[in-house]
Amino acid sequence: MMNDWGMGWGGGGMWVGPLFWIGLLVIGVIIAISVSRRLNSGRDVPATRLGTPREILDERFAKGEIEREEYEARRKALA
């Protein structure tokens, strides 16, 4: 039952232990990454800045949403 190495597993049994620990380490890393992603999922969204009324007006004019006359009238109203 015993071989030259003093183990009763046979010649190919020595790879099972290290393979088990490597697999356990991989599973642990996968679990850690998964937990980390779940905890940080809500914090990845940057806060949107609305801007001042003047910045919003300038942006709408630059996009072509309002005409020059309306832009100037609203700009005077904001001043």
PDB file of N, CA and C in Angstrom:
ATOM      1  N   MET A   1       0.818  -1.178   0.000  1.00  0.00           N
ATOM      2  CA  MET A   1       0.000   0.000   0.000  1.00  0.00           C
ATOM      3  C   MET A   1       0.871   1.255   0.000  1.00  0.00           C
ATOM      4  N   MET A   2       2.021   1.268   0.608  1.00  0.00           N
ATOM      5  CA  MET A   2       2.909   2.433   0.673  1.00  0.00           C
ATOM      6  C   MET A   2       3.838   2.417  -0.537  1.00  0.00           C
ATOM      7  N   ASN A   3       4.158   3.613  -1.043  1.00  0.00           N
ATOM      8  CA  ASN A   3       5.103   3.698  -2.144  1.00  0.00           C
ATOM      9  C   ASN A   3       6.432   4.239  -1.642  1.00  0.00           C
ATOM     10  N   ASP A   4       7.313   4.622  -2.557  1.00  0.00           N
ATOM     11  CA  ASP A   4       8.647   5.083  -2.172  1.00  0.00           C
ATOM     12  C   ASP A   4       8.622   6.404  -1.414  1.00  0.00           C
ATOM     13  N   TRP A   5       7.611   7.196  -1.586  1.00  0.00           N
ATOM     14  CA  TRP A   5       7.538   8.485  -0.909  1.00  0.00           C
ATOM     15  C   TRP A   5       6.874   8.377   0.469  1.00  0.00           C
ATOM     16  N   GLY A   6       6.423   7.262   0.830  1.00  0.00           N
ATOM     17  CA  GLY A   6       5.791   7.068   2.122  1.00  0.00           C
ATOM     18  C   GLY A   6       4.343   7.517   2.144  1.00  0.00           C
ATOM     19  N   MET A   7       3.731   7.676   0.981  1.00  0.00           N
ATOM     20  CA  MET A   7       2.347   8.111   0.900  1.00  0.00           C
ATOM     21  C   MET A   7       1.528   6.947   0.358  1.00  0.00           C
ATOM     22  N   GLY A   8       0.335   6.798   0.830  1.00  0.00           N
ATOM     23  CA  GLY A   8      -0.511   5.726   0.356  1.00  0.00           C
ATOM     24  C   GLY A   8      -1.394   6.126  -0.809  1.00  0.00           C
ATOM     25  N   TRP A   9      -1.215   7.303  -1.392  1.00  0.00           N
ATOM     26  CA  TRP A   9      -2.079   7.811  -2.440  1.00  0.00           C
ATOM     27  C   TRP A   9      -1.677   7.336  -3.820  1.00  0.00           C
ATOM     28  N   GLY A  10      -0.491   6.875  -3.966  1.00  0.00           N
ATOM     29  CA  GLY A  10       0.011   6.527  -5.287  1.00  0.00           C
ATOM     30  C   GLY A  10       0.842   7.679  -5.822  1.00  0.00           C
ATOM     31  N   GLY A  11       1.404   7.527  -7.004  1.00  0.00           N
ATOM     32  CA  GLY A  11       2.322   8.516  -7.557  1.00  0.00           C
ATOM     33  C   GLY A  11       1.661   9.821  -7.965  1.00  0.00           C
ATOM     34  N   GLY A  12       0.412   9.823  -8.381  1.00  0.00           N
ATOM     35  CA  GLY A  12      -0.200  11.031  -8.913  1.00  0.00           C
ATOM     36  C   GLY A  12      -0.985  11.843  -7.907  1.00  0.00           C
ATOM     37  N   GLY A  13      -1.025  11.467  -6.645  1.00  0.00           N
ATOM     38  CA  GLY A  13      -1.860  12.137  -5.663  1.00  0.00           C
ATOM     39  C   GLY A  13      -1.295  13.411  -5.098  1.00  0.00           C
ATOM     40  N   MET A  14      -0.073  13.743  -5.371  1.00  0.00           N
ATOM     41  CA  MET A  14       0.542  14.913  -4.753  1.00  0.00           C
ATOM     42  C   MET A  14       0.075  16.224  -5.374  1.00  0.00           C
ATOM     43  N   TRP A  15      -0.549  16.213  -6.513  1.00  0.00           N
ATOM     44  CA  TRP A  15      -1.004  17.439  -7.153  1.00  0.00           C
ATOM     45  C   TRP A  15      -2.368  17.889  -6.661  1.00  0.00           C
ATOM     46  N   VAL A  16      -3.076  17.031  -5.936  1.00  0.00           N
ATOM     47  CA  VAL A  16      -4.435  17.365  -5.508  1.00  0.00           C
ATOM     48  C   VAL A  16      -4.441  18.494  -4.474  1.00  0.00           C
ATOM     49  N   GLY A  17      -3.551  18.468  -3.515  1.00  0.00           N
ATOM     50  CA  GLY A  17      -3.509  19.487  -2.465  1.00  0.00           C
ATOM     51  C   GLY A  17      -3.237  20.887  -3.011  1.00  0.00           C
ATOM     52  N   PRO A  18      -2.141  21.073  -3.757  1.00  0.00           N
ATOM     53  CA  PRO A  18      -1.885  22.407  -4.306  1.00  0.00           C
ATOM     54  C   PRO A  18      -2.989  22.883  -5.251  1.00  0.00           C
ATOM     55  N   LEU A  19      -3.554  21.997  -6.027  1.00  0.00           N
ATOM     56  CA  LEU A  19      -4.635  22.360  -6.941  1.00  0.00           C
ATOM     57  C   LEU A  19      -5.859  22.836  -6.158  1.00  0.00           C
ATOM     58  N   PHE A  20      -6.153  22.185  -5.049  1.00  0.00           N
ATOM     59  CA  PHE A  20      -7.264  22.588  -4.189  1.00  0.00           C
ATOM     60  C   PHE A  20      -7.053  24.001  -3.658  1.00  0.00           C
ATOM     61  N   TRP A  21      -5.848  24.310  -3.159  1.00  0.00           N
ATOM     62  CA  TRP A  21      -5.579  25.628  -2.592  1.00  0.00           C
ATOM     63  C   TRP A  21      -5.574  26.723  -3.643  1.00  0.00           C
ATOM     64  N   ILE A  22      -5.084  26.430  -4.822  1.00  0.00           N
ATOM     65  CA  ILE A  22      -5.127  27.408  -5.907  1.00  0.00           C
ATOM     66  C   ILE A  22      -6.581  27.690  -6.290  1.00  0.00           C
ATOM     67  N   GLY A  23      -7.391  26.654  -6.396  1.00  0.00           N
ATOM     68  CA  GLY A  23      -8.814  26.831  -6.700  1.00  0.00           C
ATOM     69  C   GLY A  23      -9.521  27.637  -5.624  1.00  0.00           C
ATOM     70  N   LEU A  24      -9.212  27.365  -4.381  1.00  0.00           N
ATOM     71  CA  LEU A  24      -9.809  28.104  -3.269  1.00  0.00           C
ATOM     72  C   LEU A  24      -9.403  29.574  -3.312  1.00  0.00           C
ATOM     73  N   LEU A  25      -8.159  29.851  -3.658  1.00  0.00           N
ATOM     74  CA  LEU A  25      -7.688  31.223  -3.777  1.00  0.00           C
ATOM     75  C   LEU A  25      -8.413  31.951  -4.911  1.00  0.00           C
ATOM     76  N   VAL A  26      -8.591  31.308  -6.039  1.00  0.00           N
ATOM     77  CA  VAL A  26      -9.294  31.911  -7.181  1.00  0.00           C
ATOM     78  C   VAL A  26     -10.744  32.220  -6.804  1.00  0.00           C
ATOM     79  N   ILE A  27     -11.402  31.305  -6.139  1.00  0.00           N
ATOM     80  CA  ILE A  27     -12.786  31.531  -5.708  1.00  0.00           C
ATOM     81  C   ILE A  27     -12.862  32.698  -4.728  1.00  0.00           C
ATOM     82  N   GLY A  28     -11.906  32.800  -3.820  1.00  0.00           N
ATOM     83  CA  GLY A  28     -11.880  33.915  -2.869  1.00  0.00           C
ATOM     84  C   GLY A  28     -11.704  35.258  -3.556  1.00  0.00           C
ATOM     85  N   VAL A  29     -10.830  35.310  -4.556  1.00  0.00           N
ATOM     86  CA  VAL A  29     -10.623  36.559  -5.293  1.00  0.00           C
ATOM     87  C   VAL A  29     -11.890  36.937  -6.050  1.00  0.00           C
ATOM     88  N   ILE A  30     -12.551  35.976  -6.670  1.00  0.00           N
ATOM     89  CA  ILE A  30     -13.790  36.248  -7.404  1.00  0.00           C
ATOM     90  C   ILE A  30     -14.870  36.786  -6.465  1.00  0.00           C
ATOM     91  N   ILE A  31     -14.990  36.205  -5.287  1.00  0.00           N
ATOM     92  CA  ILE A  31     -15.977  36.672  -4.314  1.00  0.00           C
ATOM     93  C   ILE A  31     -15.638  38.087  -3.850  1.00  0.00           C
ATOM     94  N   ALA A  32     -14.360  38.365  -3.592  1.00  0.00           N
ATOM     95  CA  ALA A  32     -13.955  39.705  -3.142  1.00  0.00           C
ATOM     96  C   ALA A  32     -14.260  40.757  -4.206  1.00  0.00           C
ATOM     97  N   ILE A  33     -13.988  40.451  -5.465  1.00  0.00           N
ATOM     98  CA  ILE A  33     -14.271  41.394  -6.549  1.00  0.00           C
ATOM     99  C   ILE A  33     -15.771  41.627  -6.674  1.00  0.00           C
ATOM    100  N   SER A  34     -16.550  40.562  -6.567  1.00  0.00           N
ATOM    101  CA  SER A  34     -18.001  40.684  -6.681  1.00  0.00           C
ATOM    102  C   SER A  34     -18.582  41.547  -5.564  1.00  0.00           C
ATOM    103  N   VAL A  35     -18.141  41.330  -4.352  1.00  0.00           N
ATOM    104  CA  VAL A  35     -18.627  42.120  -3.212  1.00  0.00           C
ATOM    105  C   VAL A  35     -18.212  43.580  -3.370  1.00  0.00           C
ATOM    106  N   SER A  36     -16.995  43.809  -3.797  1.00  0.00           N
ATOM    107  CA  SER A  36     -16.514  45.175  -3.986  1.00  0.00           C
ATOM    108  C   SER A  36     -17.328  45.911  -5.040  1.00  0.00           C
ATOM    109  N   ARG A  37     -17.652  45.246  -6.129  1.00  0.00           N
ATOM    110  CA  ARG A  37     -18.456  45.885  -7.182  1.00  0.00           C
ATOM    111  C   ARG A  37     -19.864  46.198  -6.695  1.00  0.00           C
ATOM    112  N   ARG A  38     -20.448  45.318  -5.898  1.00  0.00           N
ATOM    113  CA  ARG A  38     -21.800  45.568  -5.390  1.00  0.00           C
ATOM    114  C   ARG A  38     -21.823  46.741  -4.424  1.00  0.00           C
ATOM    115  N   LEU A  39     -20.797  46.860  -3.595  1.00  0.00           N
ATOM    116  CA  LEU A  39     -20.756  47.937  -2.622  1.00  0.00           C
ATOM    117  C   LEU A  39     -20.507  49.290  -3.277  1.00  0.00           C
ATOM    118  N   ASN A  40     -19.787  49.311  -4.384  1.00  0.00           N
ATOM    119  CA  ASN A  40     -19.440  50.564  -5.044  1.00  0.00           C
ATOM    120  C   ASN A  40     -20.318  50.885  -6.236  1.00  0.00           C
ATOM    121  N   SER A  41     -21.335  50.100  -6.504  1.00  0.00           N
ATOM    122  CA  SER A  41     -22.134  50.295  -7.716  1.00  0.00           C
ATOM    123  C   SER A  41     -22.893  51.616  -7.712  1.00  0.00           C
ATOM    124  N   GLY A  42     -23.341  52.112  -6.592  1.00  0.00           N
ATOM    125  CA  GLY A  42     -24.097  53.348  -6.538  1.00  0.00           C
ATOM    126  C   GLY A  42     -23.239  54.596  -6.539  1.00  0.00           C
ATOM    127  N   ARG A  43     -21.947  54.447  -6.310  1.00  0.00           N
ATOM    128  CA  ARG A  43     -21.076  55.604  -6.203  1.00  0.00           C
ATOM    129  C   ARG A  43     -20.379  55.963  -7.503  1.00  0.00           C
ATOM    130  N   ASP A  44     -20.565  55.189  -8.540  1.00  0.00           N
ATOM    131  CA  ASP A  44     -19.862  55.421  -9.796  1.00  0.00           C
ATOM    132  C   ASP A  44     -20.496  56.518 -10.640  1.00  0.00           C
ATOM    133  N   VAL A  45     -21.706  56.919 -10.318  1.00  0.00           N
ATOM    134  CA  VAL A  45     -22.413  57.909 -11.121  1.00  0.00           C
ATOM    135  C   VAL A  45     -21.975  59.303 -10.676  1.00  0.00           C
ATOM    136  N   PRO A  46     -21.391  60.089 -11.578  1.00  0.00           N
ATOM    137  CA  PRO A  46     -20.977  61.431 -11.170  1.00  0.00           C
ATOM    138  C   PRO A  46     -22.186  62.348 -10.992  1.00  0.00           C
ATOM    139  N   ALA A  47     -22.060  63.283 -10.090  1.00  0.00           N
ATOM    140  CA  ALA A  47     -23.147  64.231  -9.855  1.00  0.00           C
ATOM    141  C   ALA A  47     -23.222  65.197 -11.033  1.00  0.00           C
ATOM    142  N   THR A  48     -24.421  65.427 -11.512  1.00  0.00           N
ATOM    143  CA  THR A  48     -24.596  66.339 -12.633  1.00  0.00           C
ATOM    144  C   THR A  48     -24.790  67.755 -12.098  1.00  0.00           C
ATOM    145  N   ARG A  49     -24.138  68.695 -12.737  1.00  0.00           N
ATOM    146  CA  ARG A  49     -24.232  70.094 -12.342  1.00  0.00           C
ATOM    147  C   ARG A  49     -25.205  70.781 -13.287  1.00  0.00           C
ATOM    148  N   LEU A  50     -26.199  71.437 -12.740  1.00  0.00           N
ATOM    149  CA  LEU A  50     -27.202  72.092 -13.560  1.00  0.00           C
ATOM    150  C   LEU A  50     -26.688  73.380 -14.178  1.00  0.00           C
ATOM    151  N   GLY A  51     -25.906  74.130 -13.473  1.00  0.00           N
ATOM    152  CA  GLY A  51     -25.396  75.384 -13.996  1.00  0.00           C
ATOM    153  C   GLY A  51     -26.276  76.553 -13.620  1.00  0.00           C
ATOM    154  N   THR A  52     -25.740  77.728 -13.825  1.00  0.00           N
ATOM    155  CA  THR A  52     -26.493  78.949 -13.539  1.00  0.00           C
ATOM    156  C   THR A  52     -27.488  79.175 -14.668  1.00  0.00           C
ATOM    157  N   PRO A  53     -28.483  80.014 -14.427  1.00  0.00           N
ATOM    158  CA  PRO A  53     -29.445  80.313 -15.507  1.00  0.00           C
ATOM    159  C   PRO A  53     -28.756  80.876 -16.758  1.00  0.00           C
ATOM    160  N   ARG A  54     -27.720  81.688 -16.561  1.00  0.00           N
ATOM    161  CA  ARG A  54     -27.002  82.256 -17.700  1.00  0.00           C
ATOM    162  C   ARG A  54     -26.291  81.160 -18.503  1.00  0.00           C
ATOM    163  N   GLU A  55     -25.678  80.200 -17.814  1.00  0.00           N
ATOM    164  CA  GLU A  55     -25.005  79.095 -18.504  1.00  0.00           C
ATOM    165  C   GLU A  55     -25.992  78.233 -19.281  1.00  0.00           C
ATOM    166  N   ILE A  56     -27.150  78.021 -18.685  1.00  0.00           N
ATOM    167  CA  ILE A  56     -28.186  77.228 -19.364  1.00  0.00           C
ATOM    168  C   ILE A  56     -28.673  77.958 -20.604  1.00  0.00           C
ATOM    169  N   LEU A  57     -28.881  79.282 -20.477  1.00  0.00           N
ATOM    170  CA  LEU A  57     -29.315  80.090 -21.618  1.00  0.00           C
ATOM    171  C   LEU A  57     -28.269  80.073 -22.732  1.00  0.00           C
ATOM    172  N   ASP A  58     -26.998  80.242 -22.360  1.00  0.00           N
ATOM    173  CA  ASP A  58     -25.918  80.211 -23.353  1.00  0.00           C
ATOM    174  C   ASP A  58     -25.857  78.857 -24.065  1.00  0.00           C
ATOM    175  N   GLU A  59     -26.043  77.812 -23.302  1.00  0.00           N
ATOM    176  CA  GLU A  59     -25.999  76.463 -23.883  1.00  0.00           C
ATOM    177  C   GLU A  59     -27.166  76.238 -24.856  1.00  0.00           C
ATOM    178  N   ARG A  60     -28.349  76.693 -24.468  1.00  0.00           N
ATOM    179  CA  ARG A  60     -29.509  76.531 -25.361  1.00  0.00           C
ATOM    180  C   ARG A  60     -29.318  77.314 -26.657  1.00  0.00           C
ATOM    181  N   PHE A  61     -28.738  78.508 -26.563  1.00  0.00           N
ATOM    182  CA  PHE A  61     -28.475  79.302 -27.758  1.00  0.00           C
ATOM    183  C   PHE A  61     -27.417  78.624 -28.628  1.00  0.00           C
ATOM    184  N   ALA A  62     -26.390  78.087 -27.992  1.00  0.00           N
ATOM    185  CA  ALA A  62     -25.327  77.408 -28.740  1.00  0.00           C
ATOM    186  C   ALA A  62     -25.851  76.155 -29.449  1.00  0.00           C
ATOM    187  N   LYS A  63     -26.811  75.475 -28.855  1.00  0.00           N
ATOM    188  CA  LYS A  63     -27.392  74.284 -29.476  1.00  0.00           C
ATOM    189  C   LYS A  63     -28.387  74.622 -30.587  1.00  0.00           C
ATOM    190  N   GLY A  64     -28.803  75.895 -30.638  1.00  0.00           N
ATOM    191  CA  GLY A  64     -29.770  76.294 -31.654  1.00  0.00           C
ATOM    192  C   GLY A  64     -31.210  76.097 -31.226  1.00  0.00           C
ATOM    193  N   GLU A  65     -31.445  75.928 -29.948  1.00  0.00           N
ATOM    194  CA  GLU A  65     -32.806  75.725 -29.443  1.00  0.00           C
ATOM    195  C   GLU A  65     -33.606  77.027 -29.445  1.00  0.00           C
ATOM    196  N   ILE A  66     -32.916  78.160 -29.295  1.00  0.00           N
ATOM    197  CA  ILE A  66     -33.597  79.454 -29.298  1.00  0.00           C
ATOM    198  C   ILE A  66     -32.910  80.379 -30.300  1.00  0.00           C
ATOM    199  N   GLU A  67     -33.669  81.343 -30.794  1.00  0.00           N
ATOM    200  CA  GLU A  67     -33.147  82.306 -31.769  1.00  0.00           C
ATOM    201  C   GLU A  67     -32.416  83.442 -31.061  1.00  0.00           C
ATOM    202  N   ARG A  68     -31.707  84.248 -31.834  1.00  0.00           N
ATOM    203  CA  ARG A  68     -30.900  85.329 -31.293  1.00  0.00           C
ATOM    204  C   ARG A  68     -31.761  86.362 -30.538  1.00  0.00           C
ATOM    205  N   GLU A  69     -32.898  86.715 -31.090  1.00  0.00           N
ATOM    206  CA  GLU A  69     -33.754  87.718 -30.439  1.00  0.00           C
ATOM    207  C   GLU A  69     -34.236  87.221 -29.073  1.00  0.00           C
ATOM    208  N   GLU A  70     -34.668  85.975 -29.033  1.00  0.00           N
ATOM    209  CA  GLU A  70     -35.137  85.411 -27.758  1.00  0.00           C
ATOM    210  C   GLU A  70     -33.983  85.319 -26.772  1.00  0.00           C
ATOM    211  N   TYR A  71     -32.803  84.943 -27.258  1.00  0.00           N
ATOM    212  CA  TYR A  71     -31.620  84.840 -26.398  1.00  0.00           C
ATOM    213  C   TYR A  71     -31.290  86.193 -25.767  1.00  0.00           C
ATOM    214  N   GLU A  72     -31.272  87.235 -26.591  1.00  0.00           N
ATOM    215  CA  GLU A  72     -30.936  88.565 -26.081  1.00  0.00           C
ATOM    216  C   GLU A  72     -31.991  89.091 -25.109  1.00  0.00           C
ATOM    217  N   ALA A  73     -33.247  88.802 -25.408  1.00  0.00           N
ATOM    218  CA  ALA A  73     -34.317  89.246 -24.506  1.00  0.00           C
ATOM    219  C   ALA A  73     -34.215  88.552 -23.156  1.00  0.00           C
ATOM    220  N   ARG A  74     -33.981  87.282 -23.181  1.00  0.00           N
ATOM    221  CA  ARG A  74     -33.857  86.540 -21.908  1.00  0.00           C
ATOM    222  C   ARG A  74     -32.581  86.933 -21.163  1.00  0.00           C
ATOM    223  N   ARG A  75     -31.530  87.213 -21.881  1.00  0.00           N
ATOM    224  CA  ARG A  75     -30.283  87.635 -21.252  1.00  0.00           C
ATOM    225  C   ARG A  75     -30.479  88.968 -20.536  1.00  0.00           C
ATOM    226  N   LYS A  76     -31.208  89.893 -21.155  1.00  0.00           N
ATOM    227  CA  LYS A  76     -31.505  91.174 -20.516  1.00  0.00           C
ATOM    228  C   LYS A  76     -32.377  90.973 -19.280  1.00  0.00           C
ATOM    229  N   ALA A  77     -33.297  90.027 -19.367  1.00  0.00           N
ATOM    230  CA  ALA A  77     -34.175  89.747 -18.223  1.00  0.00           C
ATOM    231  C   ALA A  77     -33.403  89.151 -17.052  1.00  0.00           C
ATOM    232  N   LEU A  78     -32.365  88.390 -17.332  1.00  0.00           N
ATOM    233  CA  LEU A  78     -31.569  87.801 -16.262  1.00  0.00           C
ATOM    234  C   LEU A  78     -30.607  88.801 -15.617  1.00  0.00           C
ATOM    235  N   ALA A  79     -30.256  89.833 -16.332  1.00  0.00           N
ATOM    236  CA  ALA A  79     -29.267  90.797 -15.828  1.00  0.00           C
ATOM    237  C   ALA A  79     -29.810  91.678 -14.738  1.00  0.00           C
TER     238      ALA A  79
END
